[in-house]
């Protein structure tokens, strides 16, 4: 699934910058859309890696939050191609923030507003109260299950 488009990237980054960070020809004067496409594909795979296991992929629709993350991540990816060009501080700071945001999405601390695979599987779990009353449950009393629940919810 593609989380952003070339048009969204070109709308965000000035043409002169895009030429500089995408065109590998000496003195080139055009934007290389293949480089942008490669960066988008890279970012799509990174985002999927964070979402895998929490959400069923591909998502039916792309939430705006993921689109914004993808656009900022692609900008970082494009600027970081140039080893001897300094990445603008705002792009580098945003990259750090969105990496943390992706981790929060992965951990369920930030909801995308789409169906969460983990929430579905957690709702199918039997209540711990029925497990503690079972004679089979010799080692985990109600206090242990409550402790386990609080660990999961922290």
N, C-alpha and C. Protein backbone atom coordinates (compact mmCIF):
# COMPACT_ATOMS: atom_id res chain seq x y z
N UNK A 1 0.84 -1.18 0.00
CA UNK A 1 0.00 0.00 0.00
C UNK A 1 0.88 1.24 0.00
N UNK A 2 0.49 2.21 -0.79
CA UNK A 2 1.22 3.47 -0.85
C UNK A 2 0.55 4.47 0.09
N UNK A 3 1.35 5.07 0.95
CA UNK A 3 0.82 5.99 1.95
C UNK A 3 0.86 7.45 1.49
N UNK A 4 1.65 7.74 0.45
CA UNK A 4 1.66 9.08 -0.11
C UNK A 4 2.02 8.99 -1.59
N UNK A 5 1.89 10.10 -2.29
CA UNK A 5 2.12 10.13 -3.73
C UNK A 5 3.24 11.10 -4.08
N UNK A 6 3.71 10.97 -5.31
CA UNK A 6 4.73 11.91 -5.81
C UNK A 6 4.17 13.34 -5.77
N UNK A 7 2.91 13.50 -6.14
CA UNK A 7 2.29 14.84 -6.15
C UNK A 7 2.31 15.46 -4.76
N UNK A 8 2.08 14.65 -3.73
CA UNK A 8 2.11 15.18 -2.36
C UNK A 8 3.52 15.58 -1.94
N UNK A 9 4.50 14.85 -2.43
CA UNK A 9 5.90 15.20 -2.11
C UNK A 9 6.28 16.48 -2.85
N UNK A 10 5.95 16.58 -4.13
CA UNK A 10 6.31 17.78 -4.89
C UNK A 10 5.58 19.02 -4.39
N UNK A 11 4.42 18.83 -3.77
CA UNK A 11 3.69 19.96 -3.19
C UNK A 11 4.36 20.44 -1.90
N UNK A 12 5.10 19.58 -1.24
CA UNK A 12 5.72 19.91 0.04
C UNK A 12 7.16 20.44 -0.08
N UNK A 13 7.87 20.01 -1.11
CA UNK A 13 9.30 20.35 -1.23
C UNK A 13 9.48 21.27 -2.44
N UNK A 14 10.17 22.39 -2.26
CA UNK A 14 10.39 23.30 -3.38
C UNK A 14 11.13 22.60 -4.54
N UNK A 15 10.79 23.00 -5.77
CA UNK A 15 11.38 22.37 -6.95
C UNK A 15 12.90 22.40 -6.94
N UNK A 16 13.48 23.52 -6.55
CA UNK A 16 14.94 23.62 -6.54
C UNK A 16 15.55 22.58 -5.60
N UNK A 17 14.92 22.38 -4.44
CA UNK A 17 15.41 21.37 -3.50
C UNK A 17 15.23 19.97 -4.06
N UNK A 18 14.06 19.72 -4.67
CA UNK A 18 13.81 18.39 -5.24
C UNK A 18 14.81 18.05 -6.33
N UNK A 19 15.14 19.03 -7.16
CA UNK A 19 16.14 18.79 -8.21
C UNK A 19 17.46 18.42 -7.56
N UNK A 20 17.85 19.16 -6.55
CA UNK A 20 19.13 18.92 -5.88
C UNK A 20 19.18 17.54 -5.21
N UNK A 21 18.09 17.12 -4.58
CA UNK A 21 18.15 15.88 -3.80
C UNK A 21 17.71 14.64 -4.59
N UNK A 22 17.19 14.84 -5.83
CA UNK A 22 16.79 13.67 -6.61
C UNK A 22 17.60 13.47 -7.88
N UNK A 23 18.10 14.53 -8.48
CA UNK A 23 18.78 14.41 -9.76
C UNK A 23 20.26 14.12 -9.52
N UNK A 24 20.69 12.94 -9.97
CA UNK A 24 22.07 12.51 -9.75
C UNK A 24 22.99 12.87 -10.92
N UNK A 25 22.47 13.55 -11.93
CA UNK A 25 23.26 13.98 -13.07
C UNK A 25 23.90 15.32 -12.74
N UNK A 26 25.18 15.44 -13.00
CA UNK A 26 25.87 16.71 -12.76
C UNK A 26 25.20 17.80 -13.59
N UNK A 27 24.79 18.85 -12.92
CA UNK A 27 24.14 19.97 -13.60
C UNK A 27 22.72 19.67 -14.04
N UNK A 28 22.15 18.57 -13.53
CA UNK A 28 20.78 18.21 -13.90
C UNK A 28 19.80 19.28 -13.48
N UNK A 29 18.75 19.45 -14.29
CA UNK A 29 17.82 20.53 -14.00
C UNK A 29 16.37 20.05 -13.88
N UNK A 30 16.18 18.74 -13.70
CA UNK A 30 14.83 18.21 -13.56
C UNK A 30 14.74 17.32 -12.33
N UNK A 31 13.52 17.18 -11.84
CA UNK A 31 13.25 16.29 -10.71
C UNK A 31 13.23 14.87 -11.24
N UNK A 32 13.89 13.96 -10.55
CA UNK A 32 13.89 12.54 -10.93
C UNK A 32 12.79 11.83 -10.14
N UNK A 33 11.66 11.60 -10.79
CA UNK A 33 10.52 10.97 -10.13
C UNK A 33 10.80 9.53 -9.72
N UNK A 34 11.73 8.87 -10.40
CA UNK A 34 12.09 7.50 -10.03
C UNK A 34 12.71 7.47 -8.64
N UNK A 35 13.52 8.45 -8.34
CA UNK A 35 14.13 8.54 -7.01
C UNK A 35 13.05 8.76 -5.95
N UNK A 36 12.08 9.61 -6.25
CA UNK A 36 10.97 9.84 -5.32
C UNK A 36 10.16 8.56 -5.14
N UNK A 37 9.88 7.88 -6.23
CA UNK A 37 9.13 6.62 -6.15
C UNK A 37 9.86 5.60 -5.29
N UNK A 38 11.17 5.50 -5.46
CA UNK A 38 11.97 4.57 -4.65
C UNK A 38 11.91 4.94 -3.17
N UNK A 39 11.95 6.22 -2.87
CA UNK A 39 11.86 6.68 -1.48
C UNK A 39 10.48 6.36 -0.91
N UNK A 40 9.45 6.55 -1.71
CA UNK A 40 8.08 6.24 -1.27
C UNK A 40 7.96 4.74 -0.97
N UNK A 41 8.49 3.90 -1.86
CA UNK A 41 8.44 2.46 -1.65
C UNK A 41 9.18 2.06 -0.37
N UNK A 42 10.33 2.67 -0.14
CA UNK A 42 11.11 2.40 1.07
C UNK A 42 10.28 2.74 2.31
N UNK A 43 9.69 3.92 2.31
CA UNK A 43 8.90 4.39 3.45
C UNK A 43 7.65 3.52 3.65
N UNK A 44 7.02 3.13 2.56
CA UNK A 44 5.85 2.25 2.67
C UNK A 44 6.22 0.97 3.40
N UNK A 45 7.36 0.40 3.07
CA UNK A 45 7.80 -0.83 3.74
C UNK A 45 8.13 -0.60 5.21
N UNK A 46 8.71 0.53 5.53
CA UNK A 46 9.02 0.85 6.93
C UNK A 46 7.71 0.99 7.72
N UNK A 47 6.76 1.73 7.19
CA UNK A 47 5.48 1.92 7.87
C UNK A 47 4.77 0.58 8.04
N UNK A 48 4.75 -0.23 6.99
CA UNK A 48 4.13 -1.56 7.09
C UNK A 48 4.78 -2.38 8.20
N UNK A 49 6.09 -2.25 8.35
CA UNK A 49 6.79 -2.98 9.41
C UNK A 49 6.29 -2.59 10.79
N UNK A 50 6.00 -1.33 10.99
CA UNK A 50 5.46 -0.88 12.28
C UNK A 50 4.01 -1.31 12.47
N UNK A 51 3.24 -1.36 11.38
CA UNK A 51 1.81 -1.68 11.48
C UNK A 51 1.53 -3.17 11.53
N UNK A 52 2.43 -3.95 10.95
CA UNK A 52 2.22 -5.40 10.85
C UNK A 52 2.01 -6.01 12.23
N UNK A 53 0.98 -6.80 12.37
CA UNK A 53 0.68 -7.43 13.65
C UNK A 53 -0.34 -6.64 14.46
N UNK A 54 -0.37 -5.34 14.30
CA UNK A 54 -1.37 -4.53 14.99
C UNK A 54 -2.57 -4.32 14.09
N UNK A 55 -2.34 -4.12 12.80
CA UNK A 55 -3.41 -3.87 11.84
C UNK A 55 -3.32 -4.89 10.71
N UNK A 56 -4.47 -5.22 10.14
CA UNK A 56 -4.51 -6.09 8.97
C UNK A 56 -4.10 -5.26 7.76
N UNK A 57 -3.07 -5.73 7.07
CA UNK A 57 -2.55 -5.01 5.91
C UNK A 57 -2.95 -5.73 4.63
N UNK A 58 -3.18 -5.03 3.56
CA UNK A 58 -3.16 -3.57 3.45
C UNK A 58 -4.42 -2.97 4.09
N UNK A 59 -4.27 -1.76 4.58
CA UNK A 59 -5.41 -1.04 5.15
C UNK A 59 -6.41 -0.73 4.04
N UNK A 60 -7.67 -0.67 4.39
CA UNK A 60 -8.70 -0.34 3.39
C UNK A 60 -8.55 1.09 2.89
N UNK A 61 -8.24 2.00 3.81
CA UNK A 61 -8.00 3.40 3.46
C UNK A 61 -6.77 3.87 4.22
N UNK A 62 -6.13 4.89 3.71
CA UNK A 62 -4.96 5.45 4.37
C UNK A 62 -5.41 6.57 5.30
N UNK A 63 -5.25 6.39 6.61
CA UNK A 63 -5.59 7.48 7.53
C UNK A 63 -4.67 8.69 7.27
N UNK A 64 -5.21 9.88 7.48
CA UNK A 64 -4.42 11.10 7.25
C UNK A 64 -3.12 11.08 8.05
N UNK A 65 -3.17 10.53 9.26
CA UNK A 65 -1.96 10.50 10.09
C UNK A 65 -0.83 9.75 9.38
N UNK A 66 -1.16 8.63 8.74
CA UNK A 66 -0.12 7.87 8.03
C UNK A 66 0.36 8.60 6.79
N UNK A 67 -0.54 9.30 6.12
CA UNK A 67 -0.14 10.08 4.94
C UNK A 67 0.87 11.15 5.36
N UNK A 68 0.58 11.86 6.46
CA UNK A 68 1.49 12.91 6.91
C UNK A 68 2.83 12.34 7.36
N UNK A 69 2.78 11.20 8.04
CA UNK A 69 4.02 10.53 8.45
C UNK A 69 4.83 10.15 7.23
N UNK A 70 4.17 9.56 6.24
CA UNK A 70 4.87 9.11 5.03
C UNK A 70 5.51 10.29 4.29
N UNK A 71 4.79 11.37 4.15
CA UNK A 71 5.34 12.54 3.44
C UNK A 71 6.60 13.03 4.15
N UNK A 72 6.53 13.20 5.45
CA UNK A 72 7.70 13.68 6.20
C UNK A 72 8.86 12.68 6.14
N UNK A 73 8.55 11.41 6.20
CA UNK A 73 9.59 10.37 6.16
C UNK A 73 10.26 10.34 4.79
N UNK A 74 9.47 10.49 3.72
CA UNK A 74 10.03 10.52 2.36
C UNK A 74 10.94 11.74 2.21
N UNK A 75 10.51 12.88 2.73
CA UNK A 75 11.37 14.08 2.66
C UNK A 75 12.70 13.80 3.34
N UNK A 76 12.65 13.20 4.52
CA UNK A 76 13.89 12.86 5.24
C UNK A 76 14.74 11.90 4.39
N UNK A 77 14.10 10.89 3.84
CA UNK A 77 14.81 9.89 3.03
C UNK A 77 15.48 10.56 1.83
N UNK A 78 14.80 11.47 1.18
CA UNK A 78 15.38 12.15 0.01
C UNK A 78 16.56 13.03 0.42
N UNK A 79 16.40 13.81 1.47
CA UNK A 79 17.50 14.67 1.91
C UNK A 79 18.69 13.86 2.39
N UNK A 80 18.43 12.71 3.01
CA UNK A 80 19.54 11.91 3.55
C UNK A 80 20.32 11.19 2.46
N UNK A 81 19.83 11.20 1.22
CA UNK A 81 20.58 10.60 0.11
C UNK A 81 21.89 11.33 -0.14
N UNK A 82 21.92 12.59 0.15
CA UNK A 82 23.10 13.41 -0.10
C UNK A 82 23.97 13.46 1.15
N UNK A 83 25.02 12.68 1.12
CA UNK A 83 25.86 12.55 2.31
C UNK A 83 26.52 13.87 2.70
N UNK A 84 26.78 14.73 1.74
CA UNK A 84 27.51 15.95 2.05
C UNK A 84 26.62 17.19 2.11
N UNK A 85 25.33 16.95 2.08
CA UNK A 85 24.37 18.05 2.22
C UNK A 85 23.73 17.94 3.59
N UNK A 86 23.71 19.04 4.30
CA UNK A 86 23.12 19.03 5.64
C UNK A 86 21.61 18.93 5.54
N UNK A 87 21.05 18.01 6.31
CA UNK A 87 19.60 17.85 6.36
C UNK A 87 19.05 19.03 7.15
N UNK A 88 18.04 19.71 6.63
CA UNK A 88 17.46 20.82 7.39
C UNK A 88 17.01 20.35 8.78
N UNK A 89 17.35 21.12 9.81
CA UNK A 89 17.04 20.70 11.18
C UNK A 89 15.57 20.37 11.41
N UNK A 90 14.66 21.09 10.78
CA UNK A 90 13.24 20.82 10.98
C UNK A 90 12.86 19.45 10.43
N UNK A 91 13.47 19.03 9.34
CA UNK A 91 13.20 17.71 8.76
C UNK A 91 13.79 16.63 9.63
N UNK A 92 14.98 16.86 10.14
CA UNK A 92 15.61 15.88 11.03
C UNK A 92 14.82 15.73 12.34
N UNK A 93 14.36 16.85 12.90
CA UNK A 93 13.57 16.80 14.13
C UNK A 93 12.25 16.09 13.89
N UNK A 94 11.63 16.38 12.77
CA UNK A 94 10.35 15.74 12.43
C UNK A 94 10.53 14.23 12.26
N UNK A 95 11.66 13.82 11.66
CA UNK A 95 11.96 12.40 11.49
C UNK A 95 12.00 11.69 12.85
N UNK A 96 12.64 12.31 13.82
CA UNK A 96 12.71 11.71 15.16
C UNK A 96 11.32 11.61 15.79
N UNK A 97 10.51 12.66 15.61
CA UNK A 97 9.16 12.66 16.16
C UNK A 97 8.28 11.59 15.51
N UNK A 98 8.37 11.47 14.19
CA UNK A 98 7.51 10.49 13.52
C UNK A 98 7.96 9.07 13.78
N UNK A 99 9.25 8.85 14.02
CA UNK A 99 9.72 7.52 14.39
C UNK A 99 9.11 7.13 15.73
N UNK A 100 9.06 8.07 16.67
CA UNK A 100 8.42 7.80 17.95
C UNK A 100 6.93 7.58 17.78
N UNK A 101 6.31 8.35 16.90
CA UNK A 101 4.89 8.19 16.64
C UNK A 101 4.59 6.80 16.06
N UNK A 102 5.43 6.32 15.15
CA UNK A 102 5.26 4.98 14.60
C UNK A 102 5.40 3.92 15.69
N UNK A 103 6.31 4.13 16.60
CA UNK A 103 6.45 3.20 17.73
C UNK A 103 5.20 3.23 18.61
N UNK A 104 4.65 4.42 18.83
CA UNK A 104 3.41 4.54 19.62
C UNK A 104 2.24 3.85 18.92
N UNK A 105 2.17 3.97 17.60
CA UNK A 105 1.13 3.28 16.85
C UNK A 105 1.31 1.77 17.01
N UNK A 106 2.53 1.32 16.88
CA UNK A 106 2.83 -0.11 17.01
C UNK A 106 2.44 -0.65 18.38
N UNK A 107 2.65 0.13 19.42
CA UNK A 107 2.36 -0.30 20.79
C UNK A 107 0.89 -0.08 21.17
N UNK A 108 0.13 0.57 20.30
CA UNK A 108 -1.28 0.81 20.59
C UNK A 108 -1.52 2.05 21.42
N UNK A 109 -0.50 2.89 21.60
CA UNK A 109 -0.65 4.13 22.37
C UNK A 109 -1.27 5.24 21.53
N UNK A 110 -1.23 5.09 20.21
CA UNK A 110 -1.81 6.07 19.29
C UNK A 110 -2.67 5.30 18.31
N UNK A 111 -3.95 5.63 18.26
CA UNK A 111 -4.89 4.90 17.40
C UNK A 111 -5.01 5.59 16.04
N UNK A 112 -5.06 4.78 15.01
CA UNK A 112 -5.27 5.30 13.66
C UNK A 112 -6.74 5.43 13.31
N UNK A 113 -7.60 4.94 14.20
CA UNK A 113 -9.02 5.01 13.94
C UNK A 113 -9.51 3.96 12.96
N UNK A 114 -8.69 2.95 12.73
CA UNK A 114 -9.10 1.82 11.89
C UNK A 114 -9.09 0.57 12.75
N UNK A 115 -9.66 -0.50 12.23
CA UNK A 115 -9.76 -1.73 13.00
C UNK A 115 -8.38 -2.25 13.40
N UNK A 116 -8.20 -2.44 14.70
CA UNK A 116 -6.95 -2.88 15.28
C UNK A 116 -7.00 -4.39 15.49
N UNK A 117 -6.12 -5.12 14.83
CA UNK A 117 -6.09 -6.58 14.93
C UNK A 117 -5.92 -7.04 16.37
N UNK A 118 -5.06 -6.37 17.14
CA UNK A 118 -4.84 -6.76 18.53
C UNK A 118 -6.08 -6.53 19.37
N UNK A 119 -6.81 -5.47 19.12
CA UNK A 119 -8.03 -5.21 19.89
C UNK A 119 -9.05 -6.31 19.65
N UNK A 120 -9.12 -6.79 18.42
CA UNK A 120 -10.05 -7.86 18.10
C UNK A 120 -9.64 -9.14 18.82
N UNK A 121 -8.35 -9.50 18.75
CA UNK A 121 -7.92 -10.74 19.38
C UNK A 121 -8.00 -10.64 20.90
N UNK A 122 -7.78 -9.46 21.47
CA UNK A 122 -7.89 -9.30 22.92
C UNK A 122 -9.33 -9.42 23.39
N UNK A 123 -10.29 -9.02 22.55
CA UNK A 123 -11.69 -9.11 22.95
C UNK A 123 -12.17 -10.56 22.97
N UNK A 124 -11.46 -11.45 22.30
CA UNK A 124 -11.83 -12.86 22.27
C UNK A 124 -11.28 -13.63 23.47
N UNK A 125 -10.41 -13.02 24.24
CA UNK A 125 -9.82 -13.68 25.40
C UNK A 125 -10.88 -13.82 26.48
N UNK A 126 -10.92 -14.97 27.12
CA UNK A 126 -11.87 -15.23 28.19
C UNK A 126 -11.52 -14.36 29.38
N UNK A 127 -12.51 -13.92 30.07
CA UNK A 127 -12.30 -13.11 31.26
C UNK A 127 -11.44 -13.87 32.26
N UNK A 128 -10.51 -13.17 32.90
CA UNK A 128 -9.64 -13.83 33.88
C UNK A 128 -10.41 -14.30 35.10
N UNK A 129 -11.58 -13.73 35.35
CA UNK A 129 -12.38 -14.15 36.51
C UNK A 129 -12.83 -15.61 36.34
N UNK A 130 -13.20 -16.00 35.13
CA UNK A 130 -13.62 -17.38 34.91
C UNK A 130 -12.43 -18.33 35.01
N UNK A 131 -11.26 -17.85 34.65
CA UNK A 131 -10.07 -18.69 34.74
C UNK A 131 -9.64 -18.90 36.19
N UNK A 132 -9.81 -17.89 37.03
CA UNK A 132 -9.34 -18.02 38.41
C UNK A 132 -10.23 -18.93 39.23
N UNK A 133 -11.47 -19.10 38.81
CA UNK A 133 -12.36 -19.97 39.58
C UNK A 133 -12.20 -21.44 39.19
N UNK A 134 -11.44 -21.70 38.17
CA UNK A 134 -11.27 -23.06 37.69
C UNK A 134 -10.36 -23.85 38.63
N UNK A 135 -10.69 -25.11 38.82
CA UNK A 135 -9.84 -25.96 39.65
C UNK A 135 -8.54 -26.29 38.93
N UNK A 136 -8.50 -26.10 37.61
CA UNK A 136 -7.29 -26.36 36.84
C UNK A 136 -6.24 -25.29 37.12
N UNK A 137 -6.69 -24.12 37.50
CA UNK A 137 -5.81 -22.99 37.69
C UNK A 137 -5.19 -23.01 39.08
N UNK A 138 -4.16 -23.81 39.27
CA UNK A 138 -3.56 -24.00 40.58
C UNK A 138 -2.55 -22.90 40.93
N UNK A 139 -1.90 -22.32 39.93
CA UNK A 139 -0.79 -21.42 40.19
C UNK A 139 -1.14 -19.95 40.12
N UNK A 140 -2.20 -19.62 39.42
CA UNK A 140 -2.55 -18.22 39.25
C UNK A 140 -3.88 -17.92 39.93
N UNK A 141 -3.79 -17.27 41.06
CA UNK A 141 -5.00 -16.86 41.75
C UNK A 141 -5.46 -15.51 41.20
N UNK A 142 -6.55 -15.00 41.74
CA UNK A 142 -7.12 -13.75 41.23
C UNK A 142 -6.13 -12.59 41.33
N UNK A 143 -5.36 -12.54 42.39
CA UNK A 143 -4.38 -11.45 42.56
C UNK A 143 -3.31 -11.50 41.46
N UNK A 144 -2.86 -12.70 41.10
CA UNK A 144 -1.86 -12.85 40.03
C UNK A 144 -2.43 -12.40 38.69
N UNK A 145 -3.70 -12.78 38.42
CA UNK A 145 -4.33 -12.36 37.17
C UNK A 145 -4.50 -10.84 37.13
N UNK A 146 -4.85 -10.23 38.23
CA UNK A 146 -4.98 -8.78 38.28
C UNK A 146 -3.64 -8.11 38.02
N UNK A 147 -2.58 -8.68 38.59
CA UNK A 147 -1.23 -8.16 38.36
C UNK A 147 -0.87 -8.27 36.88
N UNK A 148 -1.20 -9.41 36.28
CA UNK A 148 -0.93 -9.63 34.86
C UNK A 148 -1.73 -8.63 34.01
N UNK A 149 -3.00 -8.42 34.34
CA UNK A 149 -3.82 -7.46 33.62
C UNK A 149 -3.24 -6.04 33.69
N UNK A 150 -2.79 -5.65 34.87
CA UNK A 150 -2.23 -4.31 35.01
C UNK A 150 -0.94 -4.17 34.21
N UNK A 151 -0.15 -5.26 34.10
CA UNK A 151 1.05 -5.25 33.27
C UNK A 151 0.69 -5.04 31.81
N UNK A 152 -0.33 -5.74 31.33
CA UNK A 152 -0.75 -5.63 29.93
C UNK A 152 -1.29 -4.25 29.62
N UNK A 153 -1.94 -3.64 30.57
CA UNK A 153 -2.56 -2.33 30.32
C UNK A 153 -1.64 -1.16 30.57
N UNK A 154 -0.42 -1.42 31.01
CA UNK A 154 0.50 -0.30 31.26
C UNK A 154 1.25 0.12 30.04
